[in-house]
Protein backbone atom coordinates (compact mmCIF):
# COMPACT_ATOMS: atom_id res chain seq x y z
CA MET A 1 19.03 30.66 -70.57
CA ALA A 2 22.02 28.62 -69.53
CA ARG A 3 22.27 27.21 -66.10
CA GLY A 4 25.43 29.23 -65.39
CA ASP A 5 23.68 32.45 -66.38
CA ARG A 6 20.83 31.72 -63.98
CA GLY A 7 23.34 31.09 -61.21
CA LEU A 8 25.00 34.44 -61.93
CA GLU A 9 21.62 36.19 -61.85
CA ILE A 10 20.79 34.64 -58.49
CA HIS A 11 24.22 35.53 -57.17
CA GLU A 12 23.78 39.13 -58.43
CA GLU A 13 20.29 39.31 -56.88
CA ILE A 14 21.61 38.06 -53.55
CA ARG A 15 24.40 40.66 -53.66
CA ASN A 16 21.84 43.41 -54.39
CA LEU A 17 19.64 42.20 -51.54
CA ARG A 18 22.61 42.24 -49.16
CA GLU A 19 23.45 45.80 -50.20
CA GLU A 20 19.82 46.84 -49.68
CA LEU A 21 19.83 45.13 -46.29
CA ARG A 22 23.07 46.90 -45.31
CA ALA A 23 21.63 50.24 -46.44
CA ALA A 24 18.37 49.55 -44.54
CA LYS A 25 20.33 48.68 -41.38
CA GLY A 26 22.32 51.92 -41.72
CA ARG A 27 19.10 53.89 -42.16
CA ILE A 28 17.60 52.16 -39.10
CA GLU A 29 20.65 53.06 -37.00
CA GLU A 30 20.46 56.67 -38.22
CA LEU A 31 16.75 56.85 -37.35
CA GLU A 32 17.37 55.28 -33.93
CA GLN A 33 20.00 57.95 -33.22
CA ARG A 34 17.58 60.67 -34.29
CA VAL A 35 14.90 59.21 -32.03
CA GLU A 36 17.36 59.20 -29.11
CA HIS A 37 18.31 62.82 -29.82
CA LEU A 38 14.63 63.73 -29.91
CA ARG A 39 14.12 62.02 -26.54
CA VAL A 40 17.01 63.99 -25.04
CA SER A 41 15.71 67.22 -26.58
CA ARG A 42 12.25 66.50 -25.20
CA ARG A 43 13.65 65.93 -21.70
CA VAL A 44 15.62 69.18 -21.91
CA LEU A 45 12.55 71.08 -23.11
CA MET A 46 10.36 69.55 -20.39
CA ASN A 47 12.92 70.51 -17.73
CA LEU A 48 13.05 74.06 -19.10
CA LEU A 49 9.26 74.22 -19.18
CA GLU A 50 9.05 73.04 -15.55
CA LYS A 51 11.68 75.62 -14.54
CA VAL A 52 9.82 78.42 -16.33
CA GLU A 53 6.56 77.32 -14.71
CA ARG A 54 8.16 77.37 -11.24
CA GLU A 55 9.62 80.82 -11.92
CA LYS A 56 6.22 82.03 -13.13
CA VAL A 57 4.52 80.80 -9.96
CA THR A 58 7.20 82.47 -7.84
CA LEU A 59 6.85 85.73 -9.75
CA ILE A 60 3.04 85.66 -9.49
CA HIS A 61 3.31 85.11 -5.73
CA LYS A 62 5.78 87.98 -5.43
CA LEU A 63 3.56 90.28 -7.52
CA GLU A 64 0.48 89.36 -5.49
CA LYS A 65 2.32 90.27 -2.28
CA GLU A 66 3.52 93.52 -3.85
CA ASN A 67 -0.03 94.30 -4.97
CA ILE A 68 -1.36 93.76 -1.43
CA ARG A 69 1.38 96.00 -0.04
CA LEU A 70 0.62 98.73 -2.58
CA GLN A 71 -3.11 98.54 -1.85
CA ARG A 72 -2.38 98.84 1.88
CA ASP A 73 -0.06 101.81 1.29
CA ASN A 74 -2.63 103.40 -1.01
CA THR A 75 -5.34 103.03 1.64
CA ARG A 76 -3.06 104.51 4.27
CA PHE A 77 -2.19 107.42 1.97
CA ALA A 78 -5.86 108.02 1.11
CA LYS A 79 -6.73 108.16 4.84
CA TRP A 80 -3.86 110.58 5.44
CA ILE A 81 -5.01 112.84 2.58
CA PHE A 82 -8.60 112.72 3.86
CA SER A 83 -7.37 113.66 7.36
CA LYS A 84 -5.31 116.57 5.98
CA ASN A 85 -8.31 117.68 3.92
CA ARG A 86 -10.43 117.77 7.08
CA GLU A 87 -7.75 119.85 8.80
CA ILE A 88 -7.76 122.28 5.87
CA VAL A 89 -11.56 122.57 6.00
CA LYS A 90 -11.45 123.23 9.75
CA LEU A 91 -8.76 125.88 9.28
CA GLN A 92 -10.77 127.49 6.50
CA GLU A 93 -13.81 127.54 8.78
CA LYS A 94 -11.73 129.20 11.51
CA ILE A 95 -10.46 131.79 9.04
CA GLU A 96 -14.05 132.51 7.95
CA GLU A 97 -15.12 132.84 11.62
CA TYR A 98 -12.19 135.18 12.28
CA LYS A 99 -13.11 137.31 9.26
CA GLU A 100 -16.73 137.50 10.42
CA LYS A 101 -15.69 138.62 13.93
CA ALA A 102 -13.31 141.24 12.61
């Protein structure tokens, strides 16, 4: 192989290596941008998750208070029904007494 041919081969190899290096640098930049986008997306998702968690805690607290209120109302209603039932029984007893006297 002639000395000039070897020089051309080396020159060609250097040019190929430079192109590969340029392509690798471009790929690295593209991957760095994707990593940055992923970081931003992760922050957005974490913020949304924290917001949803806060809303869930608030809703649970509200539902617990509503449950306590409903239990209290239910107890009050049950006592009222029991009281009215006693009144009915007393009235029925009076009616029976009245029928017996008549």
